[in-house]
Amino acid sequence: MKPQSITIVALLGLALTACTSDAKDSDTAAPAADADADADTDADSDTDTDTDTDADTDADTDADTDADTDVDTGVTGVEITVSGTFTVPVLDEEAAPWCGITAWSWSDIDMATGYPDFSGGAVPIADEEIACPETGTTSAEYEVSLELGLDDGTEVGLFGMMESDGEIWEVPTEGNPFELRAGGAYGGVDFDLSAGGWEPGGDTGTPGAGGTIYIRHSSTEGYTGFLLTMAVSTVESDAPVAIHCGLPDGSAAPIEGFLVEWDGASIVDCPTSETDPAMVFPGETFFLDTVLYETRDMEAAGAACAGAEVFVSGDMTVDIPELGECET
């Protein structure tokens, strides 16, 4: 996501600007005096024509056969078996849900959210229907075979999907990603949609149980100052609702911790104490905006910025992208 600037309420009542890392032969009959000669000549000509036709046909046939053979021998892929428990919300008796398992190349998964990156053109590589839990129950055991056009060793993400009354919900399994091995059997691949889930193509997803957010800056080497990461709701308002503050010292040591509740105006302790209770976020989409200040002067421009967009579908750890130039 390309960073975009947003204005938020600052520490000590000042204004901060943070950034989101938000392709024919034309046989002209010549007059002839001798009819027999003409006949002979025509016969010879016909013979030549037939010979050309045979040659062309043979060449075409050979070319087509070779091309088809090359395509067929280039197909790769593995088949795996997946099993586990599939849990859904309590549904109306009249509901006729569709349940299934989808597989995605792990390279198409947004690491900030754990869900497919549609903006990057992600599409599922396989999907198979399974039997939904019977009416009056919320969970059922399943087993399904998936044919994947990928090679051994490739990583994939598995998602449980349910469609009911025009709504589509999808959630990942906690075991993602899986490394493929031909003929592999993967058990304990459970999916829990009882609290809703991510809605493909939606702006905020389907509200779920929510959870905490643990943020991690894997490396801040070369940076010093005050590193603020703020969570901004995309539903309620554009004001931050949670924050984490770290003190990078120029080394490669990571800066990490839970986002804690914040009113957007109170003075924030820095670094954020590990004993401060983590905020429990609702099941919505949030922007995580990071800005590095070289001094306590929050009116100064940020020295570096980063950000990510996440849909909270449970307790989660988010790796913040590398710091870069701030855009105003």
C-alpha atoms as a PDB file:
ATOM      1  CA  MET A   1       0.000   0.000   0.000  1.00  0.00           C
ATOM      2  CA  LYS A   2       1.398   3.378  -0.954  1.00  0.00           C
ATOM      3  CA  PRO A   3       1.724   5.688   2.094  1.00  0.00           C
ATOM      4  CA  GLN A   4      -0.908   8.352   2.369  1.00  0.00           C
ATOM      5  CA  SER A   5      -0.896  11.098   4.961  1.00  0.00           C
ATOM      6  CA  ILE A   6      -3.659  11.448   7.515  1.00  0.00           C
ATOM      7  CA  THR A   7      -4.015  14.040  10.257  1.00  0.00           C
ATOM      8  CA  ILE A   8      -4.504  12.725  13.774  1.00  0.00           C
ATOM      9  CA  VAL A   9      -4.756  14.254  17.245  1.00  0.00           C
ATOM     10  CA  ALA A  10      -1.247  14.563  18.671  1.00  0.00           C
ATOM     11  CA  LEU A  11       0.401  14.049  21.984  1.00  0.00           C
ATOM     12  CA  LEU A  12       0.042  17.079  24.213  1.00  0.00           C
ATOM     13  CA  GLY A  13      -2.739  18.392  22.003  1.00  0.00           C
ATOM     14  CA  LEU A  14      -0.463  18.892  18.956  1.00  0.00           C
ATOM     15  CA  ALA A  15      -1.262  17.712  15.429  1.00  0.00           C
ATOM     16  CA  LEU A  16       0.564  14.643  14.086  1.00  0.00           C
ATOM     17  CA  THR A  17       0.681  13.645  10.482  1.00  0.00           C
ATOM     18  CA  ALA A  18       1.142   9.920  10.044  1.00  0.00           C
ATOM     19  CA  CYS A  19       1.396   7.936   6.876  1.00  0.00           C
ATOM     20  CA  THR A  20      -0.172   4.778   5.680  1.00  0.00           C
ATOM     21  CA  SER A  21       1.791   2.548   3.664  1.00  0.00           C
ATOM     22  CA  ASP A  22      -1.475   2.829   1.869  1.00  0.00           C
ATOM     23  CA  ALA A  23      -0.914  -5.775 -20.577  1.00  0.00           C
ATOM     24  CA  LYS A  24      -3.998 -20.279 -55.287  1.00  0.00           C
ATOM     25  CA  ASP A  25      -2.679 -21.387 -57.273  1.00  0.00           C
ATOM     26  CA  SER A  26      -4.242 -19.642 -60.162  1.00  0.00           C
ATOM     27  CA  ASP A  27      -4.165 -22.256 -62.912  1.00  0.00           C
ATOM     28  CA  THR A  28      -4.483 -20.038 -65.930  1.00  0.00           C
ATOM     29  CA  ALA A  29      -4.983 -22.480 -68.749  1.00  0.00           C
ATOM     30  CA  ALA A  30      -2.538 -21.680 -71.526  1.00  0.00           C
ATOM     31  CA  PRO A  31      -3.855 -22.484 -75.005  1.00  0.00           C
ATOM     32  CA  ALA A  32      -2.496 -25.753 -76.249  1.00  0.00           C
ATOM     33  CA  ALA A  33      -2.607 -27.248 -79.733  1.00  0.00           C
ATOM     34  CA  ASP A  34      -2.509 -30.880 -78.621  1.00  0.00           C
ATOM     35  CA  ALA A  35      -5.337 -32.163 -76.431  1.00  0.00           C
ATOM     36  CA  ASP A  36      -3.291 -35.212 -75.375  1.00  0.00           C
ATOM     37  CA  ALA A  37      -0.424 -33.009 -74.405  1.00  0.00           C
ATOM     38  CA  ASP A  38      -2.792 -30.891 -72.418  1.00  0.00           C
ATOM     39  CA  ALA A  39      -4.117 -33.906 -70.593  1.00  0.00           C
ATOM     40  CA  ASP A  40      -0.602 -35.083 -69.793  1.00  0.00           C
ATOM     41  CA  THR A  41       0.406 -31.672 -68.635  1.00  0.00           C
ATOM     42  CA  ASP A  42      -2.703 -31.338 -66.462  1.00  0.00           C
ATOM     43  CA  ALA A  43      -2.152 -34.746 -64.957  1.00  0.00           C
ATOM     44  CA  ASP A  44       1.428 -33.842 -64.088  1.00  0.00           C
ATOM     45  CA  SER A  45       0.291 -30.559 -62.635  1.00  0.00           C
ATOM     46  CA  ASP A  46      -2.370 -32.277 -60.552  1.00  0.00           C
ATOM     47  CA  THR A  47       0.164 -34.745 -59.291  1.00  0.00           C
ATOM     48  CA  ASP A  48       2.451 -31.934 -58.206  1.00  0.00           C
ATOM     49  CA  THR A  49      -0.432 -30.217 -56.470  1.00  0.00           C
ATOM     50  CA  ASP A  50      -1.362 -33.380 -54.610  1.00  0.00           C
ATOM     51  CA  THR A  51       2.212 -33.853 -53.548  1.00  0.00           C
ATOM     52  CA  ASP A  52       2.329 -30.322 -52.138  1.00  0.00           C
ATOM     53  CA  THR A  53      -0.920 -30.874 -50.326  1.00  0.00           C
ATOM     54  CA  ASP A  54       0.361 -34.085 -48.774  1.00  0.00           C
ATOM     55  CA  ALA A  55       3.520 -32.381 -47.689  1.00  0.00           C
ATOM     56  CA  ASP A  56       1.616 -29.492 -46.178  1.00  0.00           C
ATOM     57  CA  THR A  57      -0.768 -31.814 -44.395  1.00  0.00           C
ATOM     58  CA  ASP A  58       2.082 -33.885 -42.999  1.00  0.00           C
ATOM     59  CA  ALA A  59       3.897 -30.789 -41.863  1.00  0.00           C
ATOM     60  CA  ASP A  60       0.801 -29.369 -40.220  1.00  0.00           C
ATOM     61  CA  THR A  61       0.020 -32.635 -38.517  1.00  0.00           C
ATOM     62  CA  ASP A  62       3.558 -32.989 -37.205  1.00  0.00           C
ATOM     63  CA  ALA A  63       3.627 -29.425 -35.989  1.00  0.00           C
ATOM     64  CA  ASP A  64       0.290 -29.736 -34.243  1.00  0.00           C
ATOM     65  CA  THR A  65       1.226 -33.044 -32.645  1.00  0.00           C
ATOM     66  CA  ASP A  66       4.524 -31.645 -31.379  1.00  0.00           C
ATOM     67  CA  ALA A  67       2.874 -28.547 -29.955  1.00  0.00           C
ATOM     68  CA  ASP A  68       0.187 -30.541 -28.183  1.00  0.00           C
ATOM     69  CA  THR A  69       2.741 -32.920 -26.726  1.00  0.00           C
ATOM     70  CA  ASP A  70       4.812 -30.047 -25.337  1.00  0.00           C
ATOM     71  CA  VAL A  71       1.809 -28.514 -23.556  1.00  0.00           C
ATOM     72  CA  ASP A  72       0.687 -31.779 -22.023  1.00  0.00           C
ATOM     73  CA  THR A  73       4.092 -32.663 -20.628  1.00  0.00           C
ATOM     74  CA  GLY A  74       4.478 -29.233 -19.043  1.00  0.00           C
ATOM     75  CA  VAL A  75       1.633 -29.682 -16.520  1.00  0.00           C
ATOM     76  CA  THR A  76       2.728 -29.918 -12.886  1.00  0.00           C
ATOM     77  CA  GLY A  77       0.905 -30.126  -9.591  1.00  0.00           C
ATOM     78  CA  VAL A  78       0.166 -32.161  -6.493  1.00  0.00           C
ATOM     79  CA  GLU A  79      -2.919 -33.532  -4.793  1.00  0.00           C
ATOM     80  CA  ILE A  80      -3.340 -33.331  -1.015  1.00  0.00           C
ATOM     81  CA  THR A  81      -5.955 -34.415   1.521  1.00  0.00           C
ATOM     82  CA  VAL A  82      -7.137 -31.987   4.189  1.00  0.00           C
ATOM     83  CA  SER A  83      -9.313 -32.817   7.222  1.00  0.00           C
ATOM     84  CA  GLY A  84     -10.487 -31.201  10.427  1.00  0.00           C
ATOM     85  CA  THR A  85     -13.472 -29.473  12.047  1.00  0.00           C
ATOM     86  CA  PHE A  86     -15.637 -26.881  10.300  1.00  0.00           C
ATOM     87  CA  THR A  87     -17.618 -24.575  12.624  1.00  0.00           C
ATOM     88  CA  VAL A  88     -20.296 -22.101  11.542  1.00  0.00           C
ATOM     89  CA  PRO A  89     -22.668 -19.659  13.283  1.00  0.00           C
ATOM     90  CA  VAL A  90     -26.141 -20.735  14.375  1.00  0.00           C
ATOM     91  CA  LEU A  91     -28.192 -20.506  11.198  1.00  0.00           C
ATOM     92  CA  ASP A  92     -31.904 -20.214  10.535  1.00  0.00           C
ATOM     93  CA  GLU A  93     -33.578 -23.491   9.665  1.00  0.00           C
ATOM     94  CA  GLU A  94     -34.510 -22.081   6.267  1.00  0.00           C
ATOM     95  CA  ALA A  95     -30.922 -21.160   5.450  1.00  0.00           C
ATOM     96  CA  ALA A  96     -29.250 -23.164   2.711  1.00  0.00           C
ATOM     97  CA  PRO A  97     -25.557 -22.424   3.183  1.00  0.00           C
ATOM     98  CA  TRP A  98     -22.694 -23.466   0.951  1.00  0.00           C
ATOM     99  CA  CYS A  99     -19.495 -24.545   2.695  1.00  0.00           C
ATOM    100  CA  GLY A 100     -16.083 -25.209   1.218  1.00  0.00           C
ATOM    101  CA  ILE A 101     -12.313 -25.056   1.480  1.00  0.00           C
ATOM    102  CA  THR A 102     -10.236 -22.689  -0.655  1.00  0.00           C
ATOM    103  CA  ALA A 103      -6.494 -22.753  -1.249  1.00  0.00           C
ATOM    104  CA  TRP A 104      -4.300 -19.771  -2.119  1.00  0.00           C
ATOM    105  CA  SER A 105      -0.645 -19.458  -3.024  1.00  0.00           C
ATOM    106  CA  TRP A 106       1.077 -18.056   0.050  1.00  0.00           C
ATOM    107  CA  SER A 107       2.809 -15.486  -2.177  1.00  0.00           C
ATOM    108  CA  ASP A 108      -0.676 -13.970  -2.754  1.00  0.00           C
ATOM    109  CA  ILE A 109      -1.345 -13.481   0.969  1.00  0.00           C
ATOM    110  CA  ASP A 110      -0.959 -10.016   2.501  1.00  0.00           C
ATOM    111  CA  MET A 111       1.366 -10.538   5.466  1.00  0.00           C
ATOM    112  CA  ALA A 112      -0.179  -7.583   7.301  1.00  0.00           C
ATOM    113  CA  THR A 113      -3.648  -9.133   7.345  1.00  0.00           C
ATOM    114  CA  GLY A 114      -3.202 -12.849   6.746  1.00  0.00           C
ATOM    115  CA  TYR A 115      -5.783 -12.641   3.949  1.00  0.00           C
ATOM    116  CA  PRO A 116      -5.496 -12.675   0.131  1.00  0.00           C
ATOM    117  CA  ASP A 117      -4.156  -9.510  -1.486  1.00  0.00           C
ATOM    118  CA  PHE A 118      -6.834  -8.767  -4.067  1.00  0.00           C
ATOM    119  CA  SER A 119      -5.212  -5.461  -4.971  1.00  0.00           C
ATOM    120  CA  GLY A 120      -2.262  -7.530  -6.177  1.00  0.00           C
ATOM    121  CA  GLY A 121      -4.469  -9.812  -8.293  1.00  0.00           C
ATOM    122  CA  ALA A 122      -4.801 -12.764  -5.890  1.00  0.00           C
ATOM    123  CA  VAL A 123      -7.090 -15.587  -7.034  1.00  0.00           C
ATOM    124  CA  PRO A 124      -7.702 -18.995  -5.392  1.00  0.00           C
ATOM    125  CA  ILE A 125      -5.823 -21.944  -6.874  1.00  0.00           C
ATOM    126  CA  ALA A 126      -8.427 -24.487  -5.739  1.00  0.00           C
ATOM    127  CA  ASP A 127     -11.798 -24.716  -4.009  1.00  0.00           C
ATOM    128  CA  GLU A 128     -13.832 -27.759  -2.995  1.00  0.00           C
ATOM    129  CA  GLU A 129     -17.300 -27.983  -1.514  1.00  0.00           C
ATOM    130  CA  ILE A 130     -17.814 -29.807   1.776  1.00  0.00           C
ATOM    131  CA  ALA A 131     -20.972 -30.740   3.678  1.00  0.00           C
ATOM    132  CA  CYS A 132     -22.088 -27.944   5.992  1.00  0.00           C
ATOM    133  CA  PRO A 133     -22.995 -28.846   9.591  1.00  0.00           C
ATOM    134  CA  GLU A 134     -26.535 -30.206   9.827  1.00  0.00           C
ATOM    135  CA  THR A 135     -29.376 -27.940  10.887  1.00  0.00           C
ATOM    136  CA  GLY A 136     -29.381 -27.539  14.654  1.00  0.00           C
ATOM    137  CA  THR A 137     -25.614 -28.097  14.919  1.00  0.00           C
ATOM    138  CA  THR A 138     -22.725 -25.689  14.449  1.00  0.00           C
ATOM    139  CA  SER A 139     -19.769 -27.948  13.680  1.00  0.00           C
ATOM    140  CA  ALA A 140     -18.916 -31.021  11.638  1.00  0.00           C
ATOM    141  CA  GLU A 141     -15.889 -33.093  10.715  1.00  0.00           C
ATOM    142  CA  TYR A 142     -14.773 -32.891   7.082  1.00  0.00           C
ATOM    143  CA  GLU A 143     -12.229 -34.386   4.711  1.00  0.00           C
ATOM    144  CA  VAL A 144     -11.529 -33.131   1.215  1.00  0.00           C
ATOM    145  CA  SER A 145      -9.003 -33.657  -1.578  1.00  0.00           C
ATOM    146  CA  LEU A 146      -7.485 -30.634  -3.307  1.00  0.00           C
ATOM    147  CA  GLU A 147      -5.729 -30.737  -6.679  1.00  0.00           C
ATOM    148  CA  LEU A 148      -3.209 -27.913  -6.758  1.00  0.00           C
ATOM    149  CA  GLY A 149      -1.268 -26.834  -9.823  1.00  0.00           C
ATOM    150  CA  LEU A 150       1.835 -26.158  -7.753  1.00  0.00           C
ATOM    151  CA  ASP A 151       5.096 -27.991  -7.129  1.00  0.00           C
ATOM    152  CA  ASP A 152       6.332 -29.795  -4.030  1.00  0.00           C
ATOM    153  CA  GLY A 153       7.709 -27.388  -1.455  1.00  0.00           C
ATOM    154  CA  THR A 154       5.415 -24.496  -2.414  1.00  0.00           C
ATOM    155  CA  GLU A 155       3.604 -22.847   0.511  1.00  0.00           C
ATOM    156  CA  VAL A 156      -0.173 -22.430   0.444  1.00  0.00           C
ATOM    157  CA  GLY A 157      -2.789 -20.889   2.704  1.00  0.00           C
ATOM    158  CA  LEU A 158      -6.033 -22.755   3.437  1.00  0.00           C
ATOM    159  CA  PHE A 159      -9.309 -20.944   4.176  1.00  0.00           C
ATOM    160  CA  GLY A 160     -12.765 -22.106   5.227  1.00  0.00           C
ATOM    161  CA  MET A 161     -15.599 -20.468   3.312  1.00  0.00           C
ATOM    162  CA  MET A 162     -19.341 -20.233   3.847  1.00  0.00           C
ATOM    163  CA  GLU A 163     -22.008 -18.544   1.738  1.00  0.00           C
ATOM    164  CA  SER A 164     -25.497 -17.943   3.138  1.00  0.00           C
ATOM    165  CA  ASP A 165     -28.238 -15.499   2.178  1.00  0.00           C
ATOM    166  CA  GLY A 166     -25.929 -13.702  -0.235  1.00  0.00           C
ATOM    167  CA  GLU A 167     -23.179 -13.222   2.369  1.00  0.00           C
ATOM    168  CA  ILE A 168     -19.750 -14.793   1.902  1.00  0.00           C
ATOM    169  CA  TRP A 169     -17.483 -15.364   4.898  1.00  0.00           C
ATOM    170  CA  GLU A 170     -13.982 -16.757   4.853  1.00  0.00           C
ATOM    171  CA  VAL A 171     -11.432 -17.413   7.608  1.00  0.00           C
ATOM    172  CA  PRO A 172      -7.906 -18.849   7.627  1.00  0.00           C
ATOM    173  CA  THR A 173      -6.828 -21.848   9.652  1.00  0.00           C
ATOM    174  CA  GLU A 174      -4.298 -21.252  12.404  1.00  0.00           C
ATOM    175  CA  GLY A 175      -1.828 -23.665  10.777  1.00  0.00           C
ATOM    176  CA  ASN A 176      -1.192 -21.475   7.705  1.00  0.00           C
ATOM    177  CA  PRO A 177       0.987 -21.690   5.702  1.00  0.00           C
ATOM    178  CA  PHE A 178       1.383 -25.338   4.656  1.00  0.00           C
ATOM    179  CA  GLU A 179       4.319 -26.673   2.654  1.00  0.00           C
ATOM    180  CA  LEU A 180       3.047 -28.910  -0.115  1.00  0.00           C
ATOM    181  CA  ARG A 181       4.166 -32.486  -0.534  1.00  0.00           C
ATOM    182  CA  ALA A 182       2.630 -34.764  -3.153  1.00  0.00           C
ATOM    183  CA  GLY A 183       0.057 -37.103  -1.641  1.00  0.00           C
ATOM    184  CA  GLY A 184       0.321 -35.347   1.701  1.00  0.00           C
ATOM    185  CA  ALA A 185      -2.450 -35.699   4.302  1.00  0.00           C
ATOM    186  CA  TYR A 186      -2.972 -32.698   6.573  1.00  0.00           C
ATOM    187  CA  GLY A 187      -5.109 -33.258   9.666  1.00  0.00           C
ATOM    188  CA  GLY A 188      -6.351 -30.881  12.331  1.00  0.00           C
ATOM    189  CA  VAL A 189      -7.010 -28.146   9.781  1.00  0.00           C
ATOM    190  CA  ASP A 190      -9.873 -26.455  11.617  1.00  0.00           C
ATOM    191  CA  PHE A 191     -11.966 -23.473  10.564  1.00  0.00           C
ATOM    192  CA  ASP A 192     -14.134 -21.432  12.919  1.00  0.00           C
ATOM    193  CA  LEU A 193     -16.660 -19.096  11.286  1.00  0.00           C
ATOM    194  CA  SER A 194     -18.896 -18.918  14.362  1.00  0.00           C
ATOM    195  CA  ALA A 195     -18.033 -15.247  14.886  1.00  0.00           C
ATOM    196  CA  GLY A 196     -18.293 -14.327  11.227  1.00  0.00           C
ATOM    197  CA  GLY A 197     -15.202 -13.728   9.146  1.00  0.00           C
ATOM    198  CA  TRP A 198     -13.567 -11.751   6.389  1.00  0.00           C
ATOM    199  CA  GLU A 199     -15.892 -10.853   3.509  1.00  0.00           C
ATOM    200  CA  PRO A 200     -14.134 -10.996   0.114  1.00  0.00           C
ATOM    201  CA  GLY A 201     -14.321  -7.631  -1.599  1.00  0.00           C
ATOM    202  CA  GLY A 202     -15.778  -5.881   1.447  1.00  0.00           C
ATOM    203  CA  ASP A 203     -14.391  -2.657   2.876  1.00  0.00           C
ATOM    204  CA  THR A 204     -14.297  -3.765   6.485  1.00  0.00           C
ATOM    205  CA  GLY A 205     -15.135  -7.438   6.494  1.00  0.00           C
ATOM    206  CA  THR A 206     -17.862  -9.117   8.502  1.00  0.00           C
ATOM    207  CA  PRO A 207     -17.765  -8.037  12.174  1.00  0.00           C
ATOM    208  CA  GLY A 208     -16.297 -10.770  14.339  1.00  0.00           C
ATOM    209  CA  ALA A 209     -15.010 -11.253  17.865  1.00  0.00           C
ATOM    210  CA  GLY A 210     -11.990  -8.999  17.324  1.00  0.00           C
ATOM    211  CA  GLY A 211      -8.813  -9.335  19.378  1.00  0.00           C
ATOM    212  CA  THR A 212      -5.501  -7.760  20.360  1.00  0.00           C
ATOM    213  CA  ILE A 213      -2.796  -6.437  18.028  1.00  0.00           C
ATOM    214  CA  TYR A 214       0.888  -7.062  18.730  1.00  0.00           C
ATOM    215  CA  ILE A 215       3.027  -4.926  16.405  1.00  0.00           C
ATOM    216  CA  ARG A 216       6.608  -5.636  15.442  1.00  0.00           C
ATOM    217  CA  HIS A 217       9.227  -3.528  13.676  1.00  0.00           C
ATOM    218  CA  SER A 218      11.751  -6.203  12.709  1.00  0.00           C
ATOM    219  CA  SER A 219      14.568  -3.701  12.237  1.00  0.00           C
ATOM    220  CA  THR A 220      14.979   0.008  12.887  1.00  0.00           C
ATOM    221  CA  GLU A 221      18.719   0.038  12.203  1.00  0.00           C
ATOM    222  CA  GLY A 222      19.973   3.535  11.500  1.00  0.00           C
ATOM    223  CA  TYR A 223      16.996   5.235  13.169  1.00  0.00           C
ATOM    224  CA  THR A 224      16.839   6.980  16.537  1.00  0.00           C
ATOM    225  CA  GLY A 225      14.075   8.932  18.244  1.00  0.00           C
ATOM    226  CA  PHE A 226      10.457   8.260  19.173  1.00  0.00           C
ATOM    227  CA  LEU A 227       8.644   5.612  17.147  1.00  0.00           C
ATOM    228  CA  LEU A 228       4.856   5.899  17.397  1.00  0.00           C
ATOM    229  CA  THR A 229       2.437   3.350  15.943  1.00  0.00           C
ATOM    230  CA  MET A 230      -1.247   4.320  16.090  1.00  0.00           C
ATOM    231  CA  ALA A 231      -4.374   2.372  15.206  1.00  0.00           C
ATOM    232  CA  VAL A 232      -7.007   4.377  13.339  1.00  0.00           C
ATOM    233  CA  SER A 233     -10.510   2.999  12.826  1.00  0.00           C
ATOM    234  CA  THR A 234     -11.916   3.006   9.313  1.00  0.00           C
ATOM    235  CA  VAL A 235     -15.461   2.710  10.642  1.00  0.00           C
ATOM    236  CA  GLU A 236     -16.004   5.009  13.612  1.00  0.00           C
ATOM    237  CA  SER A 237     -13.766   8.013  12.911  1.00  0.00           C
ATOM    238  CA  ASP A 238     -10.329   8.997  11.668  1.00  0.00           C
ATOM    239  CA  ALA A 239      -8.991   9.541  15.204  1.00  0.00           C
ATOM    240  CA  PRO A 240      -6.513   7.045  16.689  1.00  0.00           C
ATOM    241  CA  VAL A 241      -7.876   4.623  19.280  1.00  0.00           C
ATOM    242  CA  ALA A 242      -4.689   2.828  20.344  1.00  0.00           C
ATOM    243  CA  ILE A 243      -0.957   3.466  20.382  1.00  0.00           C
ATOM    244  CA  HIS A 244       2.496   1.991  20.999  1.00  0.00           C
ATOM    245  CA  CYS A 245       5.676   3.996  21.534  1.00  0.00           C
ATOM    246  CA  GLY A 246       9.220   2.674  21.191  1.00  0.00           C
ATOM    247  CA  LEU A 247      12.714   4.168  21.403  1.00  0.00           C
ATOM    248  CA  PRO A 248      14.936   2.932  18.553  1.00  0.00           C
ATOM    249  CA  ASP A 249      18.638   3.426  19.291  1.00  0.00           C
ATOM    250  CA  GLY A 250      20.093   2.995  15.813  1.00  0.00           C
ATOM    251  CA  SER A 251      20.741  -0.715  16.225  1.00  0.00           C
ATOM    252  CA  ALA A 252      19.004  -3.612  14.483  1.00  0.00           C
ATOM    253  CA  ALA A 253      17.120  -4.525  17.654  1.00  0.00           C
ATOM    254  CA  PRO A 254      13.388  -4.926  16.977  1.00  0.00           C
ATOM    255  CA  ILE A 255      10.766  -2.610  18.464  1.00  0.00           C
ATOM    256  CA  GLU A 256       7.628  -4.525  19.422  1.00  0.00           C
ATOM    257  CA  GLY A 257       4.693  -4.661  21.805  1.00  0.00           C
ATOM    258  CA  PHE A 258       0.931  -4.542  22.168  1.00  0.00           C
ATOM    259  CA  LEU A 259      -1.134  -1.568  21.065  1.00  0.00           C
ATOM    260  CA  VAL A 260      -2.763  -0.058  24.152  1.00  0.00           C
ATOM    261  CA  GLU A 261      -5.923   2.008  24.352  1.00  0.00           C
ATOM    262  CA  TRP A 262      -5.479   5.746  23.827  1.00  0.00           C
ATOM    263  CA  ASP A 263      -7.872   8.682  23.708  1.00  0.00           C
ATOM    264  CA  GLY A 264      -5.822  10.532  21.094  1.00  0.00           C
ATOM    265  CA  ALA A 265      -4.852  13.386  23.397  1.00  0.00           C
ATOM    266  CA  SER A 266      -3.377  12.118  26.670  1.00  0.00           C
ATOM    267  CA  ILE A 267       0.374  12.140  27.263  1.00  0.00           C
ATOM    268  CA  VAL A 268       1.834   8.789  26.310  1.00  0.00           C
ATOM    269  CA  ASP A 269       4.566   7.003  28.233  1.00  0.00           C
ATOM    270  CA  CYS A 270       7.489   6.079  26.005  1.00  0.00           C
ATOM    271  CA  PRO A 271       8.441   3.329  25.768  1.00  0.00           C
ATOM    272  CA  THR A 272       5.037   1.722  26.271  1.00  0.00           C
ATOM    273  CA  SER A 273       5.114  -0.423  29.387  1.00  0.00           C
ATOM    274  CA  GLU A 274       4.848  -4.188  28.921  1.00  0.00           C
ATOM    275  CA  THR A 275       2.440  -4.211  31.865  1.00  0.00           C
ATOM    276  CA  ASP A 276      -0.087  -1.906  30.187  1.00  0.00           C
ATOM    277  CA  PRO A 277      -3.164  -3.908  29.173  1.00  0.00           C
ATOM    278  CA  ALA A 278      -3.476  -4.572  25.468  1.00  0.00           C
ATOM    279  CA  MET A 279      -6.506  -3.058  23.756  1.00  0.00           C
ATOM    280  CA  VAL A 280      -9.106  -5.540  22.541  1.00  0.00           C
ATOM    281  CA  PHE A 281     -10.176  -4.337  19.104  1.00  0.00           C
ATOM    282  CA  PRO A 282     -13.583  -4.995  17.534  1.00  0.00           C
ATOM    283  CA  GLY A 283     -13.717  -7.110  14.394  1.00  0.00           C
ATOM    284  CA  GLU A 284     -13.138  -4.230  11.995  1.00  0.00           C
ATOM    285  CA  THR A 285     -10.477  -2.862   9.662  1.00  0.00           C
ATOM    286  CA  PHE A 286      -7.857  -0.519  11.115  1.00  0.00           C
ATOM    287  CA  PHE A 287      -5.003   1.509   9.656  1.00  0.00           C
ATOM    288  CA  LEU A 288      -1.759   1.077  11.615  1.00  0.00           C
ATOM    289  CA  ASP A 289       0.168   4.302  11.090  1.00  0.00           C
ATOM    290  CA  THR A 290       3.790   4.571  12.177  1.00  0.00           C
ATOM    291  CA  VAL A 291       5.792   7.778  12.336  1.00  0.00           C
ATOM    292  CA  LEU A 292       9.322   8.343  13.667  1.00  0.00           C
ATOM    293  CA  TYR A 293      10.107  11.664  15.355  1.00  0.00           C
ATOM    294  CA  GLU A 294      13.737  12.542  15.998  1.00  0.00           C
ATOM    295  CA  THR A 295      12.810  14.738  18.995  1.00  0.00           C
ATOM    296  CA  ARG A 296       9.850  15.245  21.296  1.00  0.00           C
ATOM    297  CA  ASP A 297       8.737  18.127  19.104  1.00  0.00           C
ATOM    298  CA  MET A 298       5.635  16.620  17.585  1.00  0.00           C
ATOM    299  CA  GLU A 299       5.064  19.671  15.423  1.00  0.00           C
ATOM    300  CA  ALA A 300       8.166  18.777  13.440  1.00  0.00           C
ATOM    301  CA  ALA A 301       7.860  16.662  10.318  1.00  0.00           C
ATOM    302  CA  GLY A 302       8.220  12.933  10.762  1.00  0.00           C
ATOM    303  CA  ALA A 303      11.651  11.580   9.882  1.00  0.00           C
ATOM    304  CA  ALA A 304      10.244   8.291   8.525  1.00  0.00           C
ATOM    305  CA  CYS A 305       6.866   6.624   8.132  1.00  0.00           C
ATOM    306  CA  ALA A 306       5.275   3.236   7.508  1.00  0.00           C
ATOM    307  CA  GLY A 307       1.885   1.625   7.846  1.00  0.00           C
ATOM    308  CA  ALA A 308      -0.410  -1.303   7.217  1.00  0.00           C
ATOM    309  CA  GLU A 309      -4.120  -2.076   6.985  1.00  0.00           C
ATOM    310  CA  VAL A 310      -5.467  -4.978   9.005  1.00  0.00           C
ATOM    311  CA  PHE A 311      -8.808  -6.667   9.587  1.00  0.00           C
ATOM    312  CA  VAL A 312      -8.971  -7.863  13.185  1.00  0.00           C
ATOM    313  CA  SER A 313     -10.266 -11.426  13.225  1.00  0.00           C
ATOM    314  CA  GLY A 314      -8.697 -12.517  16.513  1.00  0.00           C
ATOM    315  CA  ASP A 315      -5.469 -11.923  18.427  1.00  0.00           C
ATOM    316  CA  MET A 316      -2.873 -11.111  15.809  1.00  0.00           C
ATOM    317  CA  THR A 317       0.760 -10.149  15.289  1.00  0.00           C
ATOM    318  CA  VAL A 318       1.459  -7.583  12.579  1.00  0.00           C
ATOM    319  CA  ASP A 319       4.887  -7.026  11.053  1.00  0.00           C
ATOM    320  CA  ILE A 320       5.056  -3.337  10.178  1.00  0.00           C
ATOM    321  CA  PRO A 321       6.729  -2.658   6.799  1.00  0.00           C
ATOM    322  CA  GLU A 322      10.137  -1.018   6.703  1.00  0.00           C
ATOM    323  CA  LEU A 323      10.274   2.680   7.465  1.00  0.00           C
ATOM    324  CA  GLY A 324      10.442   4.979   4.475  1.00  0.00           C
ATOM    325  CA  GLU A 325       9.895   8.541   3.382  1.00  0.00           C
ATOM    326  CA  CYS A 326       6.834  10.346   4.752  1.00  0.00           C
ATOM    327  CA  GLU A 327       4.401  11.905   2.318  1.00  0.00           C
ATOM    328  CA  THR A 328       2.573  15.088   3.246  1.00  0.00           C
END
